[in-house]
């Protein structure tokens, strides 16, 4: 199973997730969506699985800096457009396990979901 970790290289939560995966011997590819962007299909899949409310990082500085008018009346389409335009608004990390994804980092959820490479 190919695992991809999506996020931003210098994010503290990303560093914790990467350290956990490395410590468990889990093989994964890293995709920095701030540097490389994110495709609409992946973002729509994450929103379909978790809901835009989970995928959109409203606690981050990028979202908080938006004008109030852009924050009001959000729906899935508008949230996806915001995240495509500014990937920093995507909650981090997103761990793609192939058959499903995990949003955010909680060691106990990773432990239950991720198997080390053989």
PDB file of N, CA and C in Angstrom:
ATOM      1  N   UNK A   1       0.851  -1.175   0.000  1.00  0.00           N
ATOM      2  CA  UNK A   1       0.000   0.000   0.000  1.00  0.00           C
ATOM      3  C   UNK A   1       0.896   1.236   0.000  1.00  0.00           C
ATOM      4  N   UNK A   2       0.699   2.102  -0.991  1.00  0.00           N
ATOM      5  CA  UNK A   2       1.456   3.345  -1.074  1.00  0.00           C
ATOM      6  C   UNK A   2       0.790   4.395  -0.191  1.00  0.00           C
ATOM      7  N   UNK A   3       1.581   4.999   0.680  1.00  0.00           N
ATOM      8  CA  UNK A   3       1.079   6.018   1.596  1.00  0.00           C
ATOM      9  C   UNK A   3       1.687   7.354   1.197  1.00  0.00           C
ATOM     10  N   UNK A   4       0.834   8.383   1.164  1.00  0.00           N
ATOM     11  CA  UNK A   4       1.314   9.731   0.888  1.00  0.00           C
ATOM     12  C   UNK A   4       0.895  10.646   2.024  1.00  0.00           C
ATOM     13  N   UNK A   5       1.848  11.413   2.505  1.00  0.00           N
ATOM     14  CA  UNK A   5       1.602  12.400   3.542  1.00  0.00           C
ATOM     15  C   UNK A   5       1.581  13.772   2.875  1.00  0.00           C
ATOM     16  N   UNK A   6       0.455  14.451   2.991  1.00  0.00           N
ATOM     17  CA  UNK A   6       0.284  15.776   2.402  1.00  0.00           C
ATOM     18  C   UNK A   6       0.357  16.832   3.492  1.00  0.00           C
ATOM     19  N   UNK A   7       1.030  17.926   3.198  1.00  0.00           N
ATOM     20  CA  UNK A   7       1.094  19.014   4.149  1.00  0.00           C
ATOM     21  C   UNK A   7       2.108  20.052   3.732  1.00  0.00           C
ATOM     22  N   UNK A   8       2.618  20.761   4.719  1.00  0.00           N
ATOM     23  CA  UNK A   8       3.594  21.824   4.519  1.00  0.00           C
ATOM     24  C   UNK A   8       4.845  21.464   5.310  1.00  0.00           C
ATOM     25  N   UNK A   9       5.978  21.555   4.657  1.00  0.00           N
ATOM     26  CA  UNK A   9       7.239  21.071   5.220  1.00  0.00           C
ATOM     27  C   UNK A   9       7.535  21.590   6.625  1.00  0.00           C
ATOM     28  N   UNK A  10       7.371  22.879   6.865  1.00  0.00           N
ATOM     29  CA  UNK A  10       7.824  23.460   8.126  1.00  0.00           C
ATOM     30  C   UNK A  10       6.751  23.560   9.208  1.00  0.00           C
ATOM     31  N   UNK A  11       5.596  22.982   8.990  1.00  0.00           N
ATOM     32  CA  UNK A  11       4.519  22.999   9.982  1.00  0.00           C
ATOM     33  C   UNK A  11       4.896  22.083  11.155  1.00  0.00           C
ATOM     34  N   UNK A  12       4.701  22.560  12.391  1.00  0.00           N
ATOM     35  CA  UNK A  12       5.053  21.770  13.576  1.00  0.00           C
ATOM     36  C   UNK A  12       4.278  20.460  13.649  1.00  0.00           C
ATOM     37  N   UNK A  13       2.996  20.481  13.310  1.00  0.00           N
ATOM     38  CA  UNK A  13       2.200  19.249  13.334  1.00  0.00           C
ATOM     39  C   UNK A  13       2.705  18.271  12.288  1.00  0.00           C
ATOM     40  N   UNK A  14       3.121  18.795  11.149  1.00  0.00           N
ATOM     41  CA  UNK A  14       3.690  17.932  10.105  1.00  0.00           C
ATOM     42  C   UNK A  14       4.974  17.275  10.606  1.00  0.00           C
ATOM     43  N   UNK A  15       5.781  18.036  11.302  1.00  0.00           N
ATOM     44  CA  UNK A  15       7.038  17.485  11.829  1.00  0.00           C
ATOM     45  C   UNK A  15       6.754  16.338  12.800  1.00  0.00           C
ATOM     46  N   UNK A  16       5.726  16.498  13.624  1.00  0.00           N
ATOM     47  CA  UNK A  16       5.347  15.430  14.558  1.00  0.00           C
ATOM     48  C   UNK A  16       4.869  14.194  13.801  1.00  0.00           C
ATOM     49  N   UNK A  17       4.038  14.398  12.778  1.00  0.00           N
ATOM     50  CA  UNK A  17       3.527  13.268  11.995  1.00  0.00           C
ATOM     51  C   UNK A  17       4.664  12.551  11.278  1.00  0.00           C
ATOM     52  N   UNK A  18       5.564  13.304  10.673  1.00  0.00           N
ATOM     53  CA  UNK A  18       6.692  12.693   9.967  1.00  0.00           C
ATOM     54  C   UNK A  18       7.593  11.936  10.935  1.00  0.00           C
ATOM     55  N   UNK A  19       7.843  12.527  12.107  1.00  0.00           N
ATOM     56  CA  UNK A  19       8.682  11.857  13.105  1.00  0.00           C
ATOM     57  C   UNK A  19       8.022  10.560  13.571  1.00  0.00           C
ATOM     58  N   UNK A  20       6.707  10.584  13.751  1.00  0.00           N
ATOM     59  CA  UNK A  20       5.999   9.380  14.180  1.00  0.00           C
ATOM     60  C   UNK A  20       6.104   8.304  13.104  1.00  0.00           C
ATOM     61  N   UNK A  21       5.816   8.666  11.852  1.00  0.00           N
ATOM     62  CA  UNK A  21       5.894   7.689  10.756  1.00  0.00           C
ATOM     63  C   UNK A  21       7.307   7.131  10.635  1.00  0.00           C
ATOM     64  N   UNK A  22       8.308   8.006  10.684  1.00  0.00           N
ATOM     65  CA  UNK A  22       9.698   7.561  10.588  1.00  0.00           C
ATOM     66  C   UNK A  22      10.055   6.635  11.749  1.00  0.00           C
ATOM     67  N   UNK A  23       9.616   6.989  12.944  1.00  0.00           N
ATOM     68  CA  UNK A  23       9.898   6.182  14.128  1.00  0.00           C
ATOM     69  C   UNK A  23       9.268   4.805  14.095  1.00  0.00           C
ATOM     70  N   UNK A  24       8.161   4.689  13.377  1.00  0.00           N
ATOM     71  CA  UNK A  24       7.474   3.400  13.237  1.00  0.00           C
ATOM     72  C   UNK A  24       7.966   2.607  12.028  1.00  0.00           C
ATOM     73  N   UNK A  25       8.860   3.193  11.258  1.00  0.00           N
ATOM     74  CA  UNK A  25       9.363   2.517  10.068  1.00  0.00           C
ATOM     75  C   UNK A  25       8.350   2.462   8.937  1.00  0.00           C
ATOM     76  N   UNK A  26       7.458   3.429   8.886  1.00  0.00           N
ATOM     77  CA  UNK A  26       6.421   3.464   7.846  1.00  0.00           C
ATOM     78  C   UNK A  26       6.972   4.194   6.625  1.00  0.00           C
ATOM     79  N   UNK A  27       6.918   3.526   5.485  1.00  0.00           N
ATOM     80  CA  UNK A  27       7.357   4.134   4.229  1.00  0.00           C
ATOM     81  C   UNK A  27       6.233   5.012   3.690  1.00  0.00           C
ATOM     82  N   UNK A  28       6.583   6.224   3.261  1.00  0.00           N
ATOM     83  CA  UNK A  28       5.584   7.136   2.719  1.00  0.00           C
ATOM     84  C   UNK A  28       6.258   8.132   1.785  1.00  0.00           C
ATOM     85  N   UNK A  29       5.463   8.686   0.895  1.00  0.00           N
ATOM     86  CA  UNK A  29       5.905   9.797   0.055  1.00  0.00           C
ATOM     87  C   UNK A  29       5.375  11.070   0.690  1.00  0.00           C
ATOM     88  N   UNK A  30       6.128  12.156   0.588  1.00  0.00           N
ATOM     89  CA  UNK A  30       5.685  13.436   1.132  1.00  0.00           C
ATOM     90  C   UNK A  30       5.351  14.389  -0.006  1.00  0.00           C
ATOM     91  N   UNK A  31       4.185  15.010   0.084  1.00  0.00           N
ATOM     92  CA  UNK A  31       3.750  15.995  -0.903  1.00  0.00           C
ATOM     93  C   UNK A  31       3.528  17.325  -0.180  1.00  0.00           C
ATOM     94  N   UNK A  32       4.366  18.297  -0.466  1.00  0.00           N
ATOM     95  CA  UNK A  32       4.241  19.633   0.124  1.00  0.00           C
ATOM     96  C   UNK A  32       3.285  20.436  -0.739  1.00  0.00           C
ATOM     97  N   UNK A  33       2.057  20.605  -0.267  1.00  0.00           N
ATOM     98  CA  UNK A  33       1.080  21.281  -1.118  1.00  0.00           C
ATOM     99  C   UNK A  33       1.225  22.789  -1.105  1.00  0.00           C
ATOM    100  N   UNK A  34       2.056  23.314  -0.260  1.00  0.00           N
ATOM    101  CA  UNK A  34       2.349  24.747  -0.359  1.00  0.00           C
ATOM    102  C   UNK A  34       3.331  24.970  -1.509  1.00  0.00           C
ATOM    103  N   UNK A  35       4.294  24.072  -1.665  1.00  0.00           N
ATOM    104  CA  UNK A  35       5.291  24.190  -2.735  1.00  0.00           C
ATOM    105  C   UNK A  35       4.770  23.649  -4.067  1.00  0.00           C
ATOM    106  N   UNK A  36       4.026  22.533  -4.022  1.00  0.00           N
ATOM    107  CA  UNK A  36       3.606  21.853  -5.248  1.00  0.00           C
ATOM    108  C   UNK A  36       2.130  22.008  -5.585  1.00  0.00           C
ATOM    109  N   UNK A  37       1.361  22.640  -4.696  1.00  0.00           N
ATOM    110  CA  UNK A  37      -0.072  22.778  -4.935  1.00  0.00           C
ATOM    111  C   UNK A  37      -0.794  21.470  -4.670  1.00  0.00           C
ATOM    112  N   UNK A  38      -2.072  21.498  -4.911  1.00  0.00           N
ATOM    113  CA  UNK A  38      -2.906  20.306  -4.746  1.00  0.00           C
ATOM    114  C   UNK A  38      -3.906  20.284  -5.893  1.00  0.00           C
ATOM    115  N   UNK A  39      -4.211  19.106  -6.364  1.00  0.00           N
ATOM    116  CA  UNK A  39      -5.154  19.012  -7.468  1.00  0.00           C
ATOM    117  C   UNK A  39      -6.586  18.970  -6.939  1.00  0.00           C
ATOM    118  N   UNK A  40      -7.494  19.461  -7.752  1.00  0.00           N
ATOM    119  CA  UNK A  40      -8.907  19.537  -7.379  1.00  0.00           C
ATOM    120  C   UNK A  40      -9.469  18.157  -7.035  1.00  0.00           C
ATOM    121  N   UNK A  41      -9.081  17.127  -7.775  1.00  0.00           N
ATOM    122  CA  UNK A  41      -9.628  15.782  -7.543  1.00  0.00           C
ATOM    123  C   UNK A  41      -9.281  15.283  -6.137  1.00  0.00           C
ATOM    124  N   UNK A  42      -8.032  15.471  -5.709  1.00  0.00           N
ATOM    125  CA  UNK A  42      -7.641  15.039  -4.364  1.00  0.00           C
ATOM    126  C   UNK A  42      -8.423  15.811  -3.311  1.00  0.00           C
ATOM    127  N   UNK A  43      -8.488  17.104  -3.477  1.00  0.00           N
ATOM    128  CA  UNK A  43      -9.186  17.946  -2.506  1.00  0.00           C
ATOM    129  C   UNK A  43     -10.666  17.578  -2.428  1.00  0.00           C
ATOM    130  N   UNK A  44     -11.281  17.334  -3.564  1.00  0.00           N
ATOM    131  CA  UNK A  44     -12.693  16.946  -3.575  1.00  0.00           C
ATOM    132  C   UNK A  44     -12.899  15.585  -2.915  1.00  0.00           C
ATOM    133  N   UNK A  45     -11.941  14.682  -3.099  1.00  0.00           N
ATOM    134  CA  UNK A  45     -12.039  13.370  -2.464  1.00  0.00           C
ATOM    135  C   UNK A  45     -11.962  13.509  -0.942  1.00  0.00           C
ATOM    136  N   UNK A  46     -11.038  14.350  -0.461  1.00  0.00           N
ATOM    137  CA  UNK A  46     -10.909  14.567   0.979  1.00  0.00           C
ATOM    138  C   UNK A  46     -12.168  15.203   1.551  1.00  0.00           C
ATOM    139  N   UNK A  47     -12.699  16.196   0.840  1.00  0.00           N
ATOM    140  CA  UNK A  47     -13.923  16.867   1.293  1.00  0.00           C
ATOM    141  C   UNK A  47     -15.094  15.888   1.267  1.00  0.00           C
ATOM    142  N   UNK A  48     -15.143  15.029   0.243  1.00  0.00           N
ATOM    143  CA  UNK A  48     -16.201  14.019   0.176  1.00  0.00           C
ATOM    144  C   UNK A  48     -16.131  13.026   1.326  1.00  0.00           C
ATOM    145  N   UNK A  49     -14.932  12.704   1.739  1.00  0.00           N
ATOM    146  CA  UNK A  49     -14.737  11.728   2.819  1.00  0.00           C
ATOM    147  C   UNK A  49     -14.933  12.338   4.206  1.00  0.00           C
ATOM    148  N   UNK A  50     -14.465  13.573   4.397  1.00  0.00           N
ATOM    149  CA  UNK A  50     -14.438  14.168   5.740  1.00  0.00           C
ATOM    150  C   UNK A  50     -15.336  15.388   5.914  1.00  0.00           C
ATOM    151  N   UNK A  51     -15.788  15.981   4.809  1.00  0.00           N
ATOM    152  CA  UNK A  51     -16.539  17.233   4.878  1.00  0.00           C
ATOM    153  C   UNK A  51     -15.591  18.426   4.814  1.00  0.00           C
ATOM    154  N   UNK A  52     -16.023  19.481   4.158  1.00  0.00           N
ATOM    155  CA  UNK A  52     -15.149  20.647   4.003  1.00  0.00           C
ATOM    156  C   UNK A  52     -14.831  21.295   5.344  1.00  0.00           C
ATOM    157  N   UNK A  53     -15.731  21.153   6.301  1.00  0.00           N
ATOM    158  CA  UNK A  53     -15.528  21.761   7.610  1.00  0.00           C
ATOM    159  C   UNK A  53     -14.304  21.175   8.328  1.00  0.00           C
ATOM    160  N   UNK A  54     -14.010  19.902   8.059  1.00  0.00           N
ATOM    161  CA  UNK A  54     -12.842  19.244   8.643  1.00  0.00           C
ATOM    162  C   UNK A  54     -11.576  19.577   7.866  1.00  0.00           C
ATOM    163  N   UNK A  55     -11.672  19.618   6.550  1.00  0.00           N
ATOM    164  CA  UNK A  55     -10.490  19.804   5.702  1.00  0.00           C
ATOM    165  C   UNK A  55     -10.004  21.253   5.709  1.00  0.00           C
ATOM    166  N   UNK A  56     -10.905  22.201   5.820  1.00  0.00           N
ATOM    167  CA  UNK A  56     -10.533  23.613   5.832  1.00  0.00           C
ATOM    168  C   UNK A  56      -9.978  23.988   7.209  1.00  0.00           C
ATOM    169  N   UNK A  57      -8.765  24.511   7.224  1.00  0.00           N
ATOM    170  CA  UNK A  57      -8.112  24.899   8.478  1.00  0.00           C
ATOM    171  C   UNK A  57      -8.512  26.331   8.829  1.00  0.00           C
ATOM    172  N   UNK A  58      -9.620  26.470   9.535  1.00  0.00           N
ATOM    173  CA  UNK A  58     -10.106  27.805   9.911  1.00  0.00           C
ATOM    174  C   UNK A  58      -9.323  28.409  11.073  1.00  0.00           C
ATOM    175  N   UNK A  59      -8.505  27.603  11.759  1.00  0.00           N
ATOM    176  CA  UNK A  59      -7.713  28.114  12.874  1.00  0.00           C
ATOM    177  C   UNK A  59      -6.394  28.726  12.408  1.00  0.00           C
ATOM    178  N   UNK A  60      -6.009  28.470  11.172  1.00  0.00           N
ATOM    179  CA  UNK A  60      -4.728  28.949  10.674  1.00  0.00           C
ATOM    180  C   UNK A  60      -4.726  30.428  10.335  1.00  0.00           C
ATOM    181  N   UNK A  61      -3.530  30.984  10.280  1.00  0.00           N
ATOM    182  CA  UNK A  61      -3.393  32.416  10.019  1.00  0.00           C
ATOM    183  C   UNK A  61      -3.863  32.796   8.618  1.00  0.00           C
ATOM    184  N   UNK A  62      -3.709  31.921   7.636  1.00  0.00           N
ATOM    185  CA  UNK A  62      -4.123  32.249   6.274  1.00  0.00           C
ATOM    186  C   UNK A  62      -5.631  32.459   6.214  1.00  0.00           C
ATOM    187  N   UNK A  63      -6.391  31.570   6.836  1.00  0.00           N
ATOM    188  CA  UNK A  63      -7.847  31.725   6.839  1.00  0.00           C
ATOM    189  C   UNK A  63      -8.263  32.933   7.676  1.00  0.00           C
ATOM    190  N   UNK A  64      -7.666  33.081   8.820  1.00  0.00           N
ATOM    191  CA  UNK A  64      -8.043  34.186   9.711  1.00  0.00           C
ATOM    192  C   UNK A  64      -7.762  35.544   9.073  1.00  0.00           C
ATOM    193  N   UNK A  65      -6.792  35.603   8.157  1.00  0.00           N
ATOM    194  CA  UNK A  65      -6.446  36.865   7.499  1.00  0.00           C
ATOM    195  C   UNK A  65      -7.423  37.241   6.384  1.00  0.00           C
ATOM    196  N   UNK A  66      -8.293  36.319   5.997  1.00  0.00           N
ATOM    197  CA  UNK A  66      -9.268  36.622   4.943  1.00  0.00           C
ATOM    198  C   UNK A  66     -10.226  37.715   5.396  1.00  0.00           C
ATOM    199  N   UNK A  67     -10.697  38.527   4.461  1.00  0.00           N
ATOM    200  CA  UNK A  67     -11.749  39.487   4.800  1.00  0.00           C
ATOM    201  C   UNK A  67     -13.000  38.745   5.283  1.00  0.00           C
ATOM    202  N   UNK A  68     -13.703  39.342   6.214  1.00  0.00           N
ATOM    203  CA  UNK A  68     -14.903  38.704   6.784  1.00  0.00           C
ATOM    204  C   UNK A  68     -15.888  38.286   5.702  1.00  0.00           C
ATOM    205  N   UNK A  69     -16.007  39.063   4.653  1.00  0.00           N
ATOM    206  CA  UNK A  69     -16.959  38.753   3.575  1.00  0.00           C
ATOM    207  C   UNK A  69     -16.640  37.406   2.918  1.00  0.00           C
ATOM    208  N   UNK A  70     -15.356  37.058   2.842  1.00  0.00           N
ATOM    209  CA  UNK A  70     -14.975  35.780   2.232  1.00  0.00           C
ATOM    210  C   UNK A  70     -15.212  34.605   3.172  1.00  0.00           C
ATOM    211  N   UNK A  71     -15.269  34.868   4.468  1.00  0.00           N
ATOM    212  CA  UNK A  71     -15.482  33.807   5.450  1.00  0.00           C
ATOM    213  C   UNK A  71     -16.961  33.485   5.634  1.00  0.00           C
ATOM    214  N   UNK A  72     -17.820  34.442   5.355  1.00  0.00           N
ATOM    215  CA  UNK A  72     -19.265  34.246   5.557  1.00  0.00           C
ATOM    216  C   UNK A  72     -19.865  33.382   4.458  1.00  0.00           C
ATOM    217  N   UNK A  73     -20.837  32.583   4.848  1.00  0.00           N
ATOM    218  CA  UNK A  73     -21.601  31.802   3.881  1.00  0.00           C
ATOM    219  C   UNK A  73     -20.800  30.750   3.148  1.00  0.00           C
ATOM    220  N   UNK A  74     -19.792  30.207   3.800  1.00  0.00           N
ATOM    221  CA  UNK A  74     -18.990  29.177   3.137  1.00  0.00           C
ATOM    222  C   UNK A  74     -19.807  27.922   2.891  1.00  0.00           C
ATOM    223  N   UNK A  75     -19.539  27.291   1.770  1.00  0.00           N
ATOM    224  CA  UNK A  75     -20.077  25.973   1.460  1.00  0.00           C
ATOM    225  C   UNK A  75     -18.922  25.171   0.853  1.00  0.00           C
ATOM    226  N   UNK A  76     -19.188  23.950   0.464  1.00  0.00           N
ATOM    227  CA  UNK A  76     -18.115  23.084  -0.040  1.00  0.00           C
ATOM    228  C   UNK A  76     -17.415  23.690  -1.253  1.00  0.00           C
ATOM    229  N   UNK A  77     -18.185  24.214  -2.208  1.00  0.00           N
ATOM    230  CA  UNK A  77     -17.573  24.764  -3.423  1.00  0.00           C
ATOM    231  C   UNK A  77     -16.674  25.953  -3.117  1.00  0.00           C
ATOM    232  N   UNK A  78     -17.133  26.847  -2.275  1.00  0.00           N
ATOM    233  CA  UNK A  78     -16.328  28.030  -1.926  1.00  0.00           C
ATOM    234  C   UNK A  78     -15.111  27.635  -1.104  1.00  0.00           C
ATOM    235  N   UNK A  79     -15.281  26.693  -0.192  1.00  0.00           N
ATOM    236  CA  UNK A  79     -14.155  26.231   0.621  1.00  0.00           C
ATOM    237  C   UNK A  79     -13.097  25.574  -0.262  1.00  0.00           C
ATOM    238  N   UNK A  80     -13.516  24.750  -1.204  1.00  0.00           N
ATOM    239  CA  UNK A  80     -12.571  24.106  -2.122  1.00  0.00           C
ATOM    240  C   UNK A  80     -11.833  25.155  -2.944  1.00  0.00           C
ATOM    241  N   UNK A  81     -12.543  26.156  -3.433  1.00  0.00           N
ATOM    242  CA  UNK A  81     -11.899  27.227  -4.208  1.00  0.00           C
ATOM    243  C   UNK A  81     -10.851  27.953  -3.368  1.00  0.00           C
ATOM    244  N   UNK A  82     -11.176  28.240  -2.107  1.00  0.00           N
ATOM    245  CA  UNK A  82     -10.210  28.896  -1.216  1.00  0.00           C
ATOM    246  C   UNK A  82      -8.973  28.024  -1.015  1.00  0.00           C
ATOM    247  N   UNK A  83      -9.184  26.725  -0.770  1.00  0.00           N
ATOM    248  CA  UNK A  83      -8.060  25.827  -0.509  1.00  0.00           C
ATOM    249  C   UNK A  83      -7.205  25.612  -1.751  1.00  0.00           C
ATOM    250  N   UNK A  84      -7.825  25.593  -2.926  1.00  0.00           N
ATOM    251  CA  UNK A  84      -7.046  25.473  -4.161  1.00  0.00           C
ATOM    252  C   UNK A  84      -6.191  26.720  -4.383  1.00  0.00           C
ATOM    253  N   UNK A  85      -6.771  27.875  -4.089  1.00  0.00           N
ATOM    254  CA  UNK A  85      -6.053  29.141  -4.276  1.00  0.00           C
ATOM    255  C   UNK A  85      -4.934  29.312  -3.250  1.00  0.00           C
ATOM    256  N   UNK A  86      -5.193  28.843  -2.024  1.00  0.00           N
ATOM    257  CA  UNK A  86      -4.213  28.991  -0.953  1.00  0.00           C
ATOM    258  C   UNK A  86      -4.141  27.684  -0.154  1.00  0.00           C
ATOM    259  N   UNK A  87      -3.329  26.734  -0.622  1.00  0.00           N
ATOM    260  CA  UNK A  87      -3.261  25.427   0.029  1.00  0.00           C
ATOM    261  C   UNK A  87      -2.922  25.478   1.520  1.00  0.00           C
ATOM    262  N   UNK A  88      -2.373  26.582   2.005  1.00  0.00           N
ATOM    263  CA  UNK A  88      -2.101  26.711   3.440  1.00  0.00           C
ATOM    264  C   UNK A  88      -3.380  26.614   4.255  1.00  0.00           C
ATOM    265  N   UNK A  89      -4.527  26.759   3.610  1.00  0.00           N
ATOM    266  CA  UNK A  89      -5.806  26.664   4.312  1.00  0.00           C
ATOM    267  C   UNK A  89      -6.267  25.228   4.505  1.00  0.00           C
ATOM    268  N   UNK A  90      -5.523  24.267   3.974  1.00  0.00           N
ATOM    269  CA  UNK A  90      -5.876  22.862   4.151  1.00  0.00           C
ATOM    270  C   UNK A  90      -5.316  22.400   5.494  1.00  0.00           C
ATOM    271  N   UNK A  91      -6.163  21.753   6.282  1.00  0.00           N
ATOM    272  CA  UNK A  91      -5.709  21.237   7.581  1.00  0.00           C
ATOM    273  C   UNK A  91      -4.574  20.241   7.343  1.00  0.00           C
ATOM    274  N   UNK A  92      -3.641  20.222   8.275  1.00  0.00           N
ATOM    275  CA  UNK A  92      -2.466  19.372   8.122  1.00  0.00           C
ATOM    276  C   UNK A  92      -2.346  18.419   9.302  1.00  0.00           C
ATOM    277  N   UNK A  93      -1.752  17.294   9.003  1.00  0.00           N
ATOM    278  CA  UNK A  93      -1.492  16.687   7.702  1.00  0.00           C
ATOM    279  C   UNK A  93      -2.722  15.945   7.177  1.00  0.00           C
ATOM    280  N   UNK A  94      -2.642  15.583   5.908  1.00  0.00           N
ATOM    281  CA  UNK A  94      -3.590  14.631   5.333  1.00  0.00           C
ATOM    282  C   UNK A  94      -2.762  13.405   4.977  1.00  0.00           C
ATOM    283  N   UNK A  95      -3.113  12.282   5.560  1.00  0.00           N
ATOM    284  CA  UNK A  95      -2.400  11.037   5.306  1.00  0.00           C
ATOM    285  C   UNK A  95      -3.270  10.162   4.424  1.00  0.00           C
ATOM    286  N   UNK A  96      -2.814   9.939   3.193  1.00  0.00           N
ATOM    287  CA  UNK A  96      -3.562   9.129   2.230  1.00  0.00           C
ATOM    288  C   UNK A  96      -3.071   7.690   2.332  1.00  0.00           C
ATOM    289  N   UNK A  97      -3.958   6.823   2.819  1.00  0.00           N
ATOM    290  CA  UNK A  97      -3.633   5.406   2.992  1.00  0.00           C
ATOM    291  C   UNK A  97      -4.031   4.567   1.788  1.00  0.00           C
ATOM    292  N   UNK A  98      -4.512   5.211   0.741  1.00  0.00           N
ATOM    293  CA  UNK A  98      -4.940   4.491  -0.458  1.00  0.00           C
ATOM    294  C   UNK A  98      -6.437   4.274  -0.476  1.00  0.00           C
ATOM    295  N   UNK A  99      -6.956   3.601   0.548  1.00  0.00           N
ATOM    296  CA  UNK A  99      -8.385   3.323   0.595  1.00  0.00           C
ATOM    297  C   UNK A  99      -9.147   4.345   1.434  1.00  0.00           C
ATOM    298  N   UNK A 100      -8.409   5.174   2.155  1.00  0.00           N
ATOM    299  CA  UNK A 100      -9.026   6.228   2.971  1.00  0.00           C
ATOM    300  C   UNK A 100      -7.947   7.218   3.385  1.00  0.00           C
ATOM    301  N   UNK A 101      -8.397   8.323   3.970  1.00  0.00           N
ATOM    302  CA  UNK A 101      -7.454   9.336   4.420  1.00  0.00           C
ATOM    303  C   UNK A 101      -7.708   9.675   5.884  1.00  0.00           C
ATOM    304  N   UNK A 102      -6.660  10.192   6.526  1.00  0.00           N
ATOM    305  CA  UNK A 102      -6.754  10.717   7.882  1.00  0.00           C
ATOM    306  C   UNK A 102      -6.413  12.200   7.796  1.00  0.00           C
ATOM    307  N   UNK A 103      -7.180  13.038   8.495  1.00  0.00           N
ATOM    308  CA  UNK A 103      -6.923  14.477   8.508  1.00  0.00           C
ATOM    309  C   UNK A 103      -6.524  14.875   9.919  1.00  0.00           C
ATOM    310  N   UNK A 104      -5.389  15.558  10.026  1.00  0.00           N
ATOM    311  CA  UNK A 104      -4.856  15.929  11.332  1.00  0.00           C
ATOM    312  C   UNK A 104      -3.936  14.819  11.835  1.00  0.00           C
ATOM    313  N   UNK A 105      -3.255  15.087  12.936  1.00  0.00           N
ATOM    314  CA  UNK A 105      -2.354  14.085  13.495  1.00  0.00           C
ATOM    315  C   UNK A 105      -2.704  13.803  14.945  1.00  0.00           C
ATOM    316  N   UNK A 106      -3.065  12.553  15.191  1.00  0.00           N
ATOM    317  CA  UNK A 106      -3.254  12.036  16.541  1.00  0.00           C
ATOM    318  C   UNK A 106      -2.542  10.693  16.564  1.00  0.00           C
ATOM    319  N   UNK A 107      -1.497  10.560  17.384  1.00  0.00           N
ATOM    320  CA  UNK A 107      -0.714   9.320  17.384  1.00  0.00           C
ATOM    321  C   UNK A 107      -1.563   8.071  17.541  1.00  0.00           C
ATOM    322  N   UNK A 108      -2.589   8.116  18.396  1.00  0.00           N
ATOM    323  CA  UNK A 108      -3.391   6.916  18.622  1.00  0.00           C
ATOM    324  C   UNK A 108      -4.190   6.516  17.371  1.00  0.00           C
ATOM    325  N   UNK A 109      -4.589   7.488  16.562  1.00  0.00           N
ATOM    326  CA  UNK A 109      -5.314   7.168  15.323  1.00  0.00           C
ATOM    327  C   UNK A 109      -4.339   6.625  14.291  1.00  0.00           C
ATOM    328  N   UNK A 110      -3.161   7.220  14.196  1.00  0.00           N
ATOM    329  CA  UNK A 110      -2.145   6.694  13.291  1.00  0.00           C
ATOM    330  C   UNK A 110      -1.790   5.265  13.690  1.00  0.00           C
ATOM    331  N   UNK A 111      -1.605   5.038  14.985  1.00  0.00           N
ATOM    332  CA  UNK A 111      -1.240   3.711  15.493  1.00  0.00           C
ATOM    333  C   UNK A 111      -2.252   2.662  15.064  1.00  0.00           C
ATOM    334  N   UNK A 112      -3.532   3.010  15.134  1.00  0.00           N
ATOM    335  CA  UNK A 112      -4.599   2.066  14.789  1.00  0.00           C
ATOM    336  C   UNK A 112      -4.777   1.905  13.277  1.00  0.00           C
ATOM    337  N   UNK A 113      -4.233   2.832  12.489  1.00  0.00           N
ATOM    338  CA  UNK A 113      -4.518   2.864  11.060  1.00  0.00           C
ATOM    339  C   UNK A 113      -3.343   2.521  10.161  1.00  0.00           C
ATOM    340  N   UNK A 114      -2.135   2.683  10.650  1.00  0.00           N
ATOM    341  CA  UNK A 114      -0.939   2.572   9.815  1.00  0.00           C
ATOM    342  C   UNK A 114      -0.113   1.373  10.250  1.00  0.00           C
ATOM    343  N   UNK A 115       0.264   0.573   9.286  1.00  0.00           N
ATOM    344  CA  UNK A 115       1.117  -0.587   9.567  1.00  0.00           C
ATOM    345  C   UNK A 115       2.509  -0.304   9.015  1.00  0.00           C
ATOM    346  N   UNK A 116       3.540  -0.575   9.803  1.00  0.00           N
ATOM    347  CA  UNK A 116       4.920  -0.376   9.319  1.00  0.00           C
ATOM    348  C   UNK A 116       5.205  -1.227   8.090  1.00  0.00           C
ATOM    349  N   UNK A 117       6.129  -0.747   7.261  1.00  0.00           N
ATOM    350  CA  UNK A 117       6.540  -1.507   6.083  1.00  0.00           C
ATOM    351  C   UNK A 117       7.194  -2.801   6.529  1.00  0.00           C
ATOM    352  N   UNK A 118       6.951  -3.849   5.773  1.00  0.00           N
ATOM    353  CA  UNK A 118       7.501  -5.157   6.134  1.00  0.00           C
ATOM    354  C   UNK A 118       8.965  -5.254   5.768  1.00  0.00           C
TER     355      UNK A 118
END
